[in-house]
Amino acid sequence: MDKFTKKPSFDLETITENNLAILQNLFRYYVYEFSHITLAGPNQTGNYDYRPGLIEGLGTTEDRFGFLIQSDHQLAGFALIRRLAPGQYDVDQFFITRNHTRKGLGAAVFSDIVGRYPGGWQVRVLLENHTAKLFWQNAILQITQGRFSVEQATEDGDTMDVYRFTR
């Protein structure tokens, strides 16, 4: 089987206080991936900063939780989820490391997470992030068979496409 027909294998590890430092380290690479859109550069210590409170406290309530993604015995990314209301979820942040992209891993992880939490879902994507828009359109299409809506919204000054579906 080649990389296009082989279903990627992965493990999801719930983010807790015990592994939050791993997420904090990985999150800086995620912020770097956005730097061509946000035009943010590294700080004086060479790190890419993120908005305070974005990941702190994750996993301490039912409303904000996430997973570290492992694939091929390597850390491969993370998925952060917000519960908006009972049975309503938002993909807050989602990241697959470069060495694991374009192998179907992101779509497989997304499908698995949505399967674990049935209900209404939304995914927000910055308009300028063309690569992410293509990924999310395809991933959502795969699991909804085309039954989803998309509209534009502005949040914190950023215009986004917001995809919504029920599963």
N, C-alpha and C. Protein backbone atom coordinates (compact mmCIF):
# COMPACT_ATOMS: atom_id res chain seq x y z
N MET A 1 0.83 -1.18 0.00
CA MET A 1 0.00 0.00 0.00
C MET A 1 0.88 1.25 0.00
N ASP A 2 0.46 2.26 -0.72
CA ASP A 2 1.22 3.51 -0.71
C ASP A 2 0.60 4.48 0.29
N LYS A 3 1.22 5.66 0.41
CA LYS A 3 0.76 6.62 1.41
C LYS A 3 -0.65 7.15 1.14
N PHE A 4 -1.15 6.95 -0.07
CA PHE A 4 -2.47 7.48 -0.41
C PHE A 4 -3.59 6.48 -0.12
N THR A 5 -3.26 5.21 0.03
CA THR A 5 -4.29 4.21 0.30
C THR A 5 -4.17 3.62 1.69
N LYS A 6 -3.04 3.75 2.33
CA LYS A 6 -2.83 3.23 3.67
C LYS A 6 -3.47 4.16 4.69
N LYS A 7 -4.33 3.60 5.53
CA LYS A 7 -4.95 4.41 6.59
C LYS A 7 -3.90 4.66 7.66
N PRO A 8 -3.70 5.92 8.02
CA PRO A 8 -2.67 6.21 9.01
C PRO A 8 -3.06 5.69 10.39
N SER A 9 -2.08 5.18 11.11
CA SER A 9 -2.34 4.76 12.48
C SER A 9 -1.92 5.89 13.42
N PHE A 10 -2.64 6.02 14.51
CA PHE A 10 -2.34 7.10 15.45
C PHE A 10 -2.91 6.75 16.81
N ASP A 11 -2.43 7.45 17.80
CA ASP A 11 -2.96 7.38 19.16
C ASP A 11 -3.25 8.79 19.62
N LEU A 12 -4.32 8.94 20.36
CA LEU A 12 -4.67 10.23 20.96
C LEU A 12 -4.46 10.14 22.46
N GLU A 13 -3.67 11.06 22.99
CA GLU A 13 -3.40 11.12 24.43
C GLU A 13 -4.08 12.37 24.98
N THR A 14 -4.98 12.18 25.92
CA THR A 14 -5.69 13.32 26.51
C THR A 14 -4.69 14.26 27.16
N ILE A 15 -4.86 15.55 26.91
CA ILE A 15 -3.98 16.55 27.52
C ILE A 15 -4.42 16.78 28.96
N THR A 16 -3.43 16.67 29.85
CA THR A 16 -3.64 16.89 31.28
C THR A 16 -2.53 17.80 31.78
N GLU A 17 -2.56 18.11 33.06
CA GLU A 17 -1.48 18.90 33.63
C GLU A 17 -0.14 18.19 33.49
N ASN A 18 -0.15 16.85 33.45
CA ASN A 18 1.09 16.07 33.36
C ASN A 18 1.80 16.20 32.02
N ASN A 19 1.07 16.46 30.94
CA ASN A 19 1.71 16.57 29.62
C ASN A 19 1.48 17.94 28.98
N LEU A 20 1.00 18.90 29.76
CA LEU A 20 0.74 20.24 29.23
C LEU A 20 2.02 20.90 28.71
N ALA A 21 3.16 20.62 29.33
CA ALA A 21 4.43 21.21 28.88
C ALA A 21 4.76 20.77 27.45
N ILE A 22 4.40 19.55 27.09
CA ILE A 22 4.63 19.08 25.72
C ILE A 22 3.80 19.91 24.75
N LEU A 23 2.54 20.14 25.09
CA LEU A 23 1.68 20.97 24.25
C LEU A 23 2.25 22.38 24.14
N GLN A 24 2.70 22.95 25.25
CA GLN A 24 3.26 24.31 25.23
C GLN A 24 4.45 24.39 24.27
N ASN A 25 5.32 23.40 24.28
CA ASN A 25 6.46 23.38 23.35
C ASN A 25 5.99 23.26 21.91
N LEU A 26 5.08 22.34 21.66
CA LEU A 26 4.58 22.11 20.30
C LEU A 26 3.79 23.30 19.78
N PHE A 27 3.11 23.99 20.68
CA PHE A 27 2.27 25.11 20.28
C PHE A 27 3.08 26.23 19.63
N ARG A 28 4.32 26.38 20.02
CA ARG A 28 5.16 27.42 19.42
C ARG A 28 5.42 27.13 17.93
N TYR A 29 5.50 25.86 17.57
CA TYR A 29 5.65 25.51 16.15
C TYR A 29 4.36 25.82 15.39
N TYR A 30 3.24 25.59 16.04
CA TYR A 30 1.94 25.92 15.46
C TYR A 30 1.85 27.42 15.18
N VAL A 31 2.26 28.23 16.15
CA VAL A 31 2.26 29.69 15.97
C VAL A 31 3.21 30.08 14.84
N TYR A 32 4.35 29.42 14.76
CA TYR A 32 5.30 29.69 13.67
C TYR A 32 4.65 29.40 12.32
N GLU A 33 3.89 28.33 12.22
CA GLU A 33 3.23 27.97 10.97
C GLU A 33 2.29 29.08 10.49
N PHE A 34 1.76 29.87 11.41
CA PHE A 34 0.87 30.98 11.07
C PHE A 34 1.61 32.27 10.79
N SER A 35 2.90 32.31 11.01
CA SER A 35 3.63 33.58 10.95
C SER A 35 3.59 34.22 9.57
N HIS A 36 3.43 33.43 8.52
CA HIS A 36 3.33 34.02 7.18
C HIS A 36 1.99 34.75 6.99
N ILE A 37 1.01 34.42 7.82
CA ILE A 37 -0.29 35.08 7.77
C ILE A 37 -0.35 36.23 8.77
N THR A 38 0.07 35.95 10.00
CA THR A 38 -0.02 36.95 11.06
C THR A 38 1.13 37.95 11.02
N LEU A 39 2.19 37.60 10.31
CA LEU A 39 3.41 38.40 10.22
C LEU A 39 4.09 38.57 11.58
N ALA A 40 3.78 37.70 12.52
CA ALA A 40 4.42 37.72 13.83
C ALA A 40 5.80 37.09 13.74
N GLY A 41 6.75 37.67 14.41
CA GLY A 41 8.10 37.13 14.46
C GLY A 41 8.38 36.58 15.84
N PRO A 42 9.55 35.97 16.00
CA PRO A 42 9.90 35.44 17.32
C PRO A 42 10.18 36.58 18.30
N ASN A 43 10.03 36.27 19.59
CA ASN A 43 10.34 37.26 20.62
C ASN A 43 11.86 37.33 20.81
N GLN A 44 12.30 38.07 21.79
CA GLN A 44 13.73 38.29 21.99
C GLN A 44 14.48 37.03 22.43
N THR A 45 13.77 36.02 22.89
CA THR A 45 14.42 34.76 23.26
C THR A 45 14.36 33.74 22.13
N GLY A 46 13.78 34.14 21.00
CA GLY A 46 13.70 33.25 19.85
C GLY A 46 12.47 32.38 19.80
N ASN A 47 11.55 32.57 20.70
CA ASN A 47 10.32 31.79 20.72
C ASN A 47 9.18 32.55 20.07
N TYR A 48 8.23 31.81 19.56
CA TYR A 48 7.00 32.40 19.04
C TYR A 48 5.97 32.40 20.18
N ASP A 49 5.48 33.58 20.52
CA ASP A 49 4.52 33.71 21.61
C ASP A 49 3.10 33.43 21.13
N TYR A 50 2.27 33.03 22.05
CA TYR A 50 0.85 32.86 21.78
C TYR A 50 0.06 33.59 22.85
N ARG A 51 -1.21 33.82 22.55
CA ARG A 51 -2.08 34.59 23.43
C ARG A 51 -2.18 33.92 24.80
N PRO A 52 -1.91 34.66 25.88
CA PRO A 52 -2.02 34.09 27.23
C PRO A 52 -3.41 33.50 27.46
N GLY A 53 -3.45 32.38 28.15
CA GLY A 53 -4.71 31.73 28.48
C GLY A 53 -5.23 30.80 27.40
N LEU A 54 -4.55 30.77 26.24
CA LEU A 54 -5.04 29.95 25.13
C LEU A 54 -4.98 28.46 25.45
N ILE A 55 -3.92 28.03 26.13
CA ILE A 55 -3.81 26.61 26.46
C ILE A 55 -3.69 26.34 27.95
N GLU A 56 -3.41 27.35 28.74
CA GLU A 56 -3.32 27.15 30.18
C GLU A 56 -4.69 26.73 30.71
N GLY A 57 -4.68 25.79 31.62
CA GLY A 57 -5.93 25.31 32.21
C GLY A 57 -6.66 24.30 31.34
N LEU A 58 -6.09 23.97 30.20
CA LEU A 58 -6.73 23.00 29.30
C LEU A 58 -6.89 21.66 30.02
N GLY A 59 -8.03 21.06 29.87
CA GLY A 59 -8.27 19.76 30.47
C GLY A 59 -8.73 19.82 31.92
N THR A 60 -8.84 21.01 32.47
CA THR A 60 -9.28 21.12 33.87
C THR A 60 -10.79 21.30 33.97
N THR A 61 -11.45 21.52 32.84
CA THR A 61 -12.91 21.61 32.82
C THR A 61 -13.43 20.77 31.66
N GLU A 62 -14.71 20.49 31.68
CA GLU A 62 -15.32 19.72 30.59
C GLU A 62 -15.45 20.55 29.32
N ASP A 63 -15.32 21.86 29.43
CA ASP A 63 -15.56 22.74 28.29
C ASP A 63 -14.34 22.97 27.42
N ARG A 64 -13.15 22.65 27.89
CA ARG A 64 -11.92 22.81 27.10
C ARG A 64 -11.06 21.57 27.30
N PHE A 65 -10.84 20.83 26.22
CA PHE A 65 -10.04 19.62 26.33
C PHE A 65 -9.27 19.43 25.04
N GLY A 66 -8.35 18.51 25.06
CA GLY A 66 -7.56 18.30 23.86
C GLY A 66 -6.79 17.00 23.90
N PHE A 67 -6.11 16.77 22.78
CA PHE A 67 -5.36 15.53 22.61
C PHE A 67 -4.01 15.83 21.97
N LEU A 68 -2.98 15.14 22.44
CA LEU A 68 -1.72 15.07 21.72
C LEU A 68 -1.86 13.92 20.75
N ILE A 69 -1.35 14.10 19.55
CA ILE A 69 -1.46 13.09 18.50
C ILE A 69 -0.10 12.43 18.32
N GLN A 70 -0.09 11.10 18.39
CA GLN A 70 1.12 10.32 18.15
C GLN A 70 0.89 9.48 16.89
N SER A 71 1.90 9.40 16.04
CA SER A 71 1.82 8.55 14.85
C SER A 71 3.22 8.06 14.53
N ASP A 72 3.34 6.81 14.17
CA ASP A 72 4.65 6.22 13.87
C ASP A 72 5.63 6.44 15.02
N HIS A 73 5.14 6.30 16.25
CA HIS A 73 5.96 6.45 17.46
C HIS A 73 6.59 7.84 17.58
N GLN A 74 5.93 8.83 17.00
CA GLN A 74 6.40 10.21 17.08
C GLN A 74 5.25 11.13 17.45
N LEU A 75 5.59 12.22 18.12
CA LEU A 75 4.61 13.27 18.36
C LEU A 75 4.27 13.88 17.01
N ALA A 76 2.98 13.93 16.68
CA ALA A 76 2.57 14.35 15.34
C ALA A 76 1.65 15.56 15.34
N GLY A 77 1.26 16.06 16.52
CA GLY A 77 0.41 17.24 16.53
C GLY A 77 -0.51 17.27 17.73
N PHE A 78 -1.54 18.09 17.63
CA PHE A 78 -2.51 18.21 18.70
C PHE A 78 -3.85 18.66 18.14
N ALA A 79 -4.89 18.41 18.92
CA ALA A 79 -6.24 18.89 18.62
C ALA A 79 -6.82 19.45 19.91
N LEU A 80 -7.26 20.70 19.87
CA LEU A 80 -7.86 21.36 21.03
C LEU A 80 -9.32 21.64 20.73
N ILE A 81 -10.18 21.24 21.63
CA ILE A 81 -11.62 21.29 21.41
C ILE A 81 -12.28 22.13 22.51
N ARG A 82 -13.28 22.92 22.11
CA ARG A 82 -14.11 23.66 23.07
C ARG A 82 -15.52 23.09 23.00
N ARG A 83 -16.09 22.85 24.14
CA ARG A 83 -17.50 22.47 24.20
C ARG A 83 -18.27 23.77 24.39
N LEU A 84 -19.05 24.15 23.39
CA LEU A 84 -19.79 25.41 23.41
C LEU A 84 -21.05 25.32 24.26
N ALA A 85 -21.68 24.17 24.22
CA ALA A 85 -22.90 23.86 24.96
C ALA A 85 -23.01 22.34 24.93
N PRO A 86 -23.90 21.75 25.72
CA PRO A 86 -24.04 20.29 25.64
C PRO A 86 -24.27 19.84 24.20
N GLY A 87 -23.42 18.95 23.70
CA GLY A 87 -23.55 18.43 22.35
C GLY A 87 -23.14 19.39 21.25
N GLN A 88 -22.46 20.48 21.58
CA GLN A 88 -22.00 21.46 20.58
C GLN A 88 -20.50 21.69 20.78
N TYR A 89 -19.71 21.49 19.72
CA TYR A 89 -18.26 21.53 19.83
C TYR A 89 -17.63 22.44 18.78
N ASP A 90 -16.46 22.95 19.13
CA ASP A 90 -15.67 23.81 18.25
C ASP A 90 -14.25 23.27 18.21
N VAL A 91 -13.70 23.13 17.00
CA VAL A 91 -12.28 22.81 16.88
C VAL A 91 -11.54 24.12 17.11
N ASP A 92 -11.00 24.26 18.30
CA ASP A 92 -10.35 25.52 18.69
C ASP A 92 -9.00 25.67 17.99
N GLN A 93 -8.18 24.65 18.06
CA GLN A 93 -6.87 24.66 17.39
C GLN A 93 -6.58 23.23 16.94
N PHE A 94 -5.92 23.08 15.81
CA PHE A 94 -5.63 21.76 15.26
C PHE A 94 -4.31 21.86 14.51
N PHE A 95 -3.39 20.94 14.79
CA PHE A 95 -2.05 21.04 14.20
C PHE A 95 -1.47 19.66 13.95
N ILE A 96 -0.97 19.47 12.75
CA ILE A 96 -0.22 18.28 12.38
C ILE A 96 1.17 18.74 11.95
N THR A 97 2.21 18.13 12.51
CA THR A 97 3.57 18.53 12.18
C THR A 97 3.86 18.25 10.70
N ARG A 98 4.77 19.03 10.15
CA ARG A 98 5.06 18.94 8.71
C ARG A 98 5.41 17.52 8.25
N ASN A 99 6.18 16.80 9.06
CA ASN A 99 6.59 15.46 8.63
C ASN A 99 5.44 14.45 8.62
N HIS A 100 4.28 14.85 9.09
CA HIS A 100 3.11 13.97 9.08
C HIS A 100 1.97 14.49 8.20
N THR A 101 2.17 15.62 7.53
CA THR A 101 1.09 16.14 6.68
C THR A 101 1.03 15.39 5.36
N ARG A 102 -0.10 15.55 4.70
CA ARG A 102 -0.36 14.97 3.38
C ARG A 102 -0.30 13.44 3.36
N LYS A 103 -0.64 12.85 4.50
CA LYS A 103 -0.69 11.39 4.61
C LYS A 103 -2.06 10.90 5.06
N GLY A 104 -3.00 11.84 5.20
CA GLY A 104 -4.34 11.48 5.66
C GLY A 104 -4.49 11.45 7.17
N LEU A 105 -3.42 11.76 7.90
CA LEU A 105 -3.47 11.70 9.36
C LEU A 105 -4.45 12.71 9.94
N GLY A 106 -4.37 13.95 9.50
CA GLY A 106 -5.25 14.99 10.05
C GLY A 106 -6.72 14.65 9.88
N ALA A 107 -7.10 14.20 8.69
CA ALA A 107 -8.50 13.85 8.43
C ALA A 107 -8.92 12.65 9.27
N ALA A 108 -8.02 11.68 9.43
CA ALA A 108 -8.35 10.50 10.24
C ALA A 108 -8.53 10.87 11.71
N VAL A 109 -7.66 11.72 12.23
CA VAL A 109 -7.77 12.17 13.62
C VAL A 109 -9.07 12.95 13.81
N PHE A 110 -9.35 13.87 12.90
CA PHE A 110 -10.57 14.68 12.99
C PHE A 110 -11.81 13.78 12.99
N SER A 111 -11.85 12.82 12.10
CA SER A 111 -12.99 11.91 12.02
C SER A 111 -13.14 11.13 13.33
N ASP A 112 -12.04 10.69 13.89
CA ASP A 112 -12.07 9.94 15.15
C ASP A 112 -12.62 10.80 16.29
N ILE A 113 -12.15 12.03 16.39
CA ILE A 113 -12.60 12.91 17.47
C ILE A 113 -14.09 13.23 17.32
N VAL A 114 -14.52 13.55 16.11
CA VAL A 114 -15.94 13.84 15.88
C VAL A 114 -16.79 12.61 16.22
N GLY A 115 -16.28 11.43 15.90
CA GLY A 115 -17.00 10.20 16.24
C GLY A 115 -17.14 9.98 17.74
N ARG A 116 -16.19 10.46 18.50
CA ARG A 116 -16.24 10.32 19.96
C ARG A 116 -17.23 11.27 20.61
N TYR A 117 -17.49 12.37 19.94
CA TYR A 117 -18.33 13.43 20.50
C TYR A 117 -19.43 13.80 19.51
N PRO A 118 -20.46 12.98 19.40
CA PRO A 118 -21.53 13.29 18.44
C PRO A 118 -22.27 14.57 18.83
N GLY A 119 -22.72 15.26 17.80
CA GLY A 119 -23.47 16.49 18.01
C GLY A 119 -23.15 17.51 16.95
N GLY A 120 -23.36 18.76 17.28
CA GLY A 120 -23.07 19.86 16.36
C GLY A 120 -21.61 20.27 16.48
N TRP A 121 -21.00 20.56 15.35
CA TRP A 121 -19.59 20.94 15.30
C TRP A 121 -19.41 22.20 14.48
N GLN A 122 -18.38 22.96 14.85
CA GLN A 122 -17.94 24.07 14.00
C GLN A 122 -16.42 24.06 13.93
N VAL A 123 -15.93 24.51 12.78
CA VAL A 123 -14.50 24.66 12.54
C VAL A 123 -14.30 26.05 11.96
N ARG A 124 -13.43 26.84 12.58
CA ARG A 124 -13.16 28.20 12.12
C ARG A 124 -11.78 28.23 11.46
N VAL A 125 -11.72 28.86 10.27
CA VAL A 125 -10.47 28.91 9.51
C VAL A 125 -10.24 30.33 9.01
N LEU A 126 -9.07 30.88 9.30
CA LEU A 126 -8.73 32.21 8.79
C LEU A 126 -8.84 32.25 7.27
N LEU A 127 -9.43 33.29 6.73
CA LEU A 127 -9.59 33.40 5.28
C LEU A 127 -8.26 33.31 4.55
N GLU A 128 -7.21 33.88 5.14
CA GLU A 128 -5.90 33.90 4.48
C GLU A 128 -5.19 32.55 4.51
N ASN A 129 -5.67 31.62 5.30
CA ASN A 129 -5.01 30.33 5.44
C ASN A 129 -5.55 29.34 4.41
N HIS A 130 -5.11 29.51 3.18
CA HIS A 130 -5.64 28.73 2.05
C HIS A 130 -5.39 27.24 2.20
N THR A 131 -4.23 26.87 2.71
CA THR A 131 -3.91 25.45 2.90
C THR A 131 -4.88 24.82 3.89
N ALA A 132 -5.12 25.50 5.01
CA ALA A 132 -6.04 24.97 6.01
C ALA A 132 -7.47 24.91 5.47
N LYS A 133 -7.87 25.92 4.71
CA LYS A 133 -9.23 25.90 4.15
C LYS A 133 -9.43 24.68 3.27
N LEU A 134 -8.46 24.37 2.43
CA LEU A 134 -8.56 23.20 1.57
C LEU A 134 -8.62 21.92 2.40
N PHE A 135 -7.75 21.83 3.41
CA PHE A 135 -7.77 20.65 4.28
C PHE A 135 -9.14 20.47 4.93
N TRP A 136 -9.66 21.54 5.56
CA TRP A 136 -10.92 21.42 6.29
C TRP A 136 -12.09 21.14 5.36
N GLN A 137 -12.12 21.76 4.19
CA GLN A 137 -13.19 21.47 3.24
C GLN A 137 -13.22 19.98 2.91
N ASN A 138 -12.05 19.41 2.64
CA ASN A 138 -11.98 17.99 2.29
C ASN A 138 -12.29 17.09 3.48
N ALA A 139 -11.73 17.41 4.65
CA ALA A 139 -11.96 16.58 5.83
C ALA A 139 -13.43 16.58 6.23
N ILE A 140 -14.05 17.75 6.20
CA ILE A 140 -15.47 17.84 6.58
C ILE A 140 -16.34 17.16 5.53
N LEU A 141 -16.00 17.34 4.27
CA LEU A 141 -16.75 16.68 3.19
C LEU A 141 -16.73 15.16 3.37
N GLN A 142 -15.57 14.61 3.74
CA GLN A 142 -15.44 13.16 3.92
C GLN A 142 -16.38 12.62 4.99
N ILE A 143 -16.51 13.34 6.10
CA ILE A 143 -17.31 12.79 7.20
C ILE A 143 -18.78 13.20 7.16
N THR A 144 -19.11 14.19 6.33
CA THR A 144 -20.51 14.65 6.27
C THR A 144 -21.20 14.32 4.95
N GLN A 145 -20.45 13.80 3.99
CA GLN A 145 -20.99 13.56 2.65
C GLN A 145 -21.61 14.83 2.07
N GLY A 146 -21.00 15.96 2.40
CA GLY A 146 -21.43 17.23 1.83
C GLY A 146 -22.50 17.97 2.60
N ARG A 147 -22.93 17.42 3.74
CA ARG A 147 -23.98 18.07 4.53
C ARG A 147 -23.35 18.97 5.59
N PHE A 148 -22.95 20.15 5.16
CA PHE A 148 -22.39 21.15 6.07
C PHE A 148 -22.67 22.53 5.50
N SER A 149 -22.55 23.53 6.35
CA SER A 149 -22.71 24.91 5.90
C SER A 149 -21.41 25.65 6.16
N VAL A 150 -21.22 26.74 5.44
CA VAL A 150 -20.06 27.60 5.66
C VAL A 150 -20.50 29.05 5.52
N GLU A 151 -20.05 29.86 6.43
CA GLU A 151 -20.34 31.29 6.38
C GLU A 151 -19.14 32.04 6.93
N GLN A 152 -19.07 33.31 6.62
CA GLN A 152 -17.97 34.12 7.14
C GLN A 152 -18.39 34.81 8.42
N ALA A 153 -17.43 34.93 9.34
CA ALA A 153 -17.65 35.62 10.60
C ALA A 153 -16.35 36.31 11.00
N THR A 154 -16.47 37.33 11.82
CA THR A 154 -15.30 38.04 12.32
C THR A 154 -15.21 37.83 13.82
N GLU A 155 -14.02 37.44 14.27
CA GLU A 155 -13.78 37.20 15.69
C GLU A 155 -12.44 37.81 16.06
N ASP A 156 -12.42 38.66 17.05
CA ASP A 156 -11.18 39.34 17.49
C ASP A 156 -10.48 40.03 16.32
N GLY A 157 -11.26 40.58 15.39
CA GLY A 157 -10.69 41.29 14.25
C GLY A 157 -10.25 40.41 13.10
N ASP A 158 -10.38 39.09 13.23
CA ASP A 158 -10.00 38.16 12.17
C ASP A 158 -11.24 37.65 11.45
N THR A 159 -11.22 37.71 10.11
CA THR A 159 -12.33 37.17 9.33
C THR A 159 -12.04 35.71 9.03
N MET A 160 -13.05 34.89 9.26
CA MET A 160 -12.89 33.44 9.12
C MET A 160 -14.06 32.84 8.36
N ASP A 161 -13.78 31.70 7.74
CA ASP A 161 -14.84 30.83 7.27
C ASP A 161 -15.20 29.94 8.46
N VAL A 162 -16.49 29.81 8.73
CA VAL A 162 -16.95 28.96 9.82
C VAL A 162 -17.77 27.83 9.20
N TYR A 163 -17.26 26.61 9.33
CA TYR A 163 -17.93 25.42 8.83
C TYR A 163 -18.76 24.84 9.97
N ARG A 164 -20.01 24.45 9.68
CA ARG A 164 -20.87 23.87 10.71
C ARG A 164 -21.52 22.60 10.14
N PHE A 165 -21.63 21.61 11.01
CA PHE A 165 -22.26 20.35 10.62
C PHE A 165 -22.68 19.61 11.88
N THR A 166 -23.51 18.61 11.69
CA THR A 166 -23.95 17.74 12.78
C THR A 166 -23.55 16.32 12.44
N ARG A 167 -23.07 15.64 13.44
CA ARG A 167 -22.65 14.26 13.21
C ARG A 167 -23.06 13.42 14.39
